[in-house]
Amino acid sequence: MTAPTTSARVFLVRHGDTDWISGGKFASRTDVPLSKMGEKDIEFMRDRLVAENEMIDPTGIAKIYCSPRINARRTVEILGIGVHHHQHFQNQETGQKWRSESVIRGETADPYIHITKWLEEWDYGDYEGMTLHAITEKRIRDYGSGTWDIWTDGCPGGESPQQVTERLDELVREIRQVISSNSASWPGGQIIAHRSQHAQDVVCVAHGHILAALAIRWVGLPLDTGMMRLIFEPGGVGILGFEHDNINQPAILVGRKPGRPDREQRYETGVAQASR
């Protein structure tokens, strides 16, 4: 069955809970597995949001990106999105491939789940493994003030906002290319991010700060804008898309109503007629 016609979306999925999250510790380079509760949270989310004609429809997914960290990879496995009855992973940097034994919930367009450094968590550097309280005390000792804003200050020994921006912009460009390759054209030459016959949705599974940063860069704002404070709870899902379906008007979807098959069908008919 062809996925319902709808505007292309980018789903941002944060991995489930870990012992470090529960303990308030910052983790970026450290491989911290999901806790039992974290796995249950992802299962709960999967059973309600991931299925044909649900919010995350595997038949509408064109590409899946995932952080190299074990908690993100495990989250993808539990979600069960992939192709050919098993999930096929590929390291985007090394080309290494492997297969999960997880049974999938539906076919996607791309045969591999792409493990990429683009989605590694913001490198916390000297703050790795520390709590916010410990970071505050350290900054008082080091700088005479405990104030810390990762969006402007970055992380000593880790990444700056500019470094994070540069790697995320590469991912944004690739995602937009994936979506635009199957986009439709309105009369007058406007390219619309609308899926009819081809899968266009993209899924990114990663971590709290990097997903929030991705959303900010998606709409072209600087990370240090000071205007946005985006929060991704463990196991949470965010959605990026396009205003008026226009590929040149990226947007953050802060509220989306459930789809209705009859409404989707009427929209598909309208797009087909306008494209003639």
Foldseek 3Di string as FASTA:
>chain_A
DAAFKDFAKEKEWEFFDFPCVVVQADAFPDQTAHDPVRLVLLLVCLVQAEAGQHPNDLNQAAAAEEEPHNRLVVSCLSSQRAADQWAWEAEPPPRDIDIDNRGHRDYHNDRYHYHYNLQGPFWQAPRGGHHLVVQLVVCCVVPVGSDDDCLCQNHVRTDHLVVNLVSLVVVLVVLLVQQQVQWAAFPVGFTFSMDDRHRRYYYYYHHWPSSQSSQCVNQPHRSNPVPDDDGAHHRRMWMKGAVVRGSVGIDTPPDDDRDDSVVSVVVNVVVVVRRD
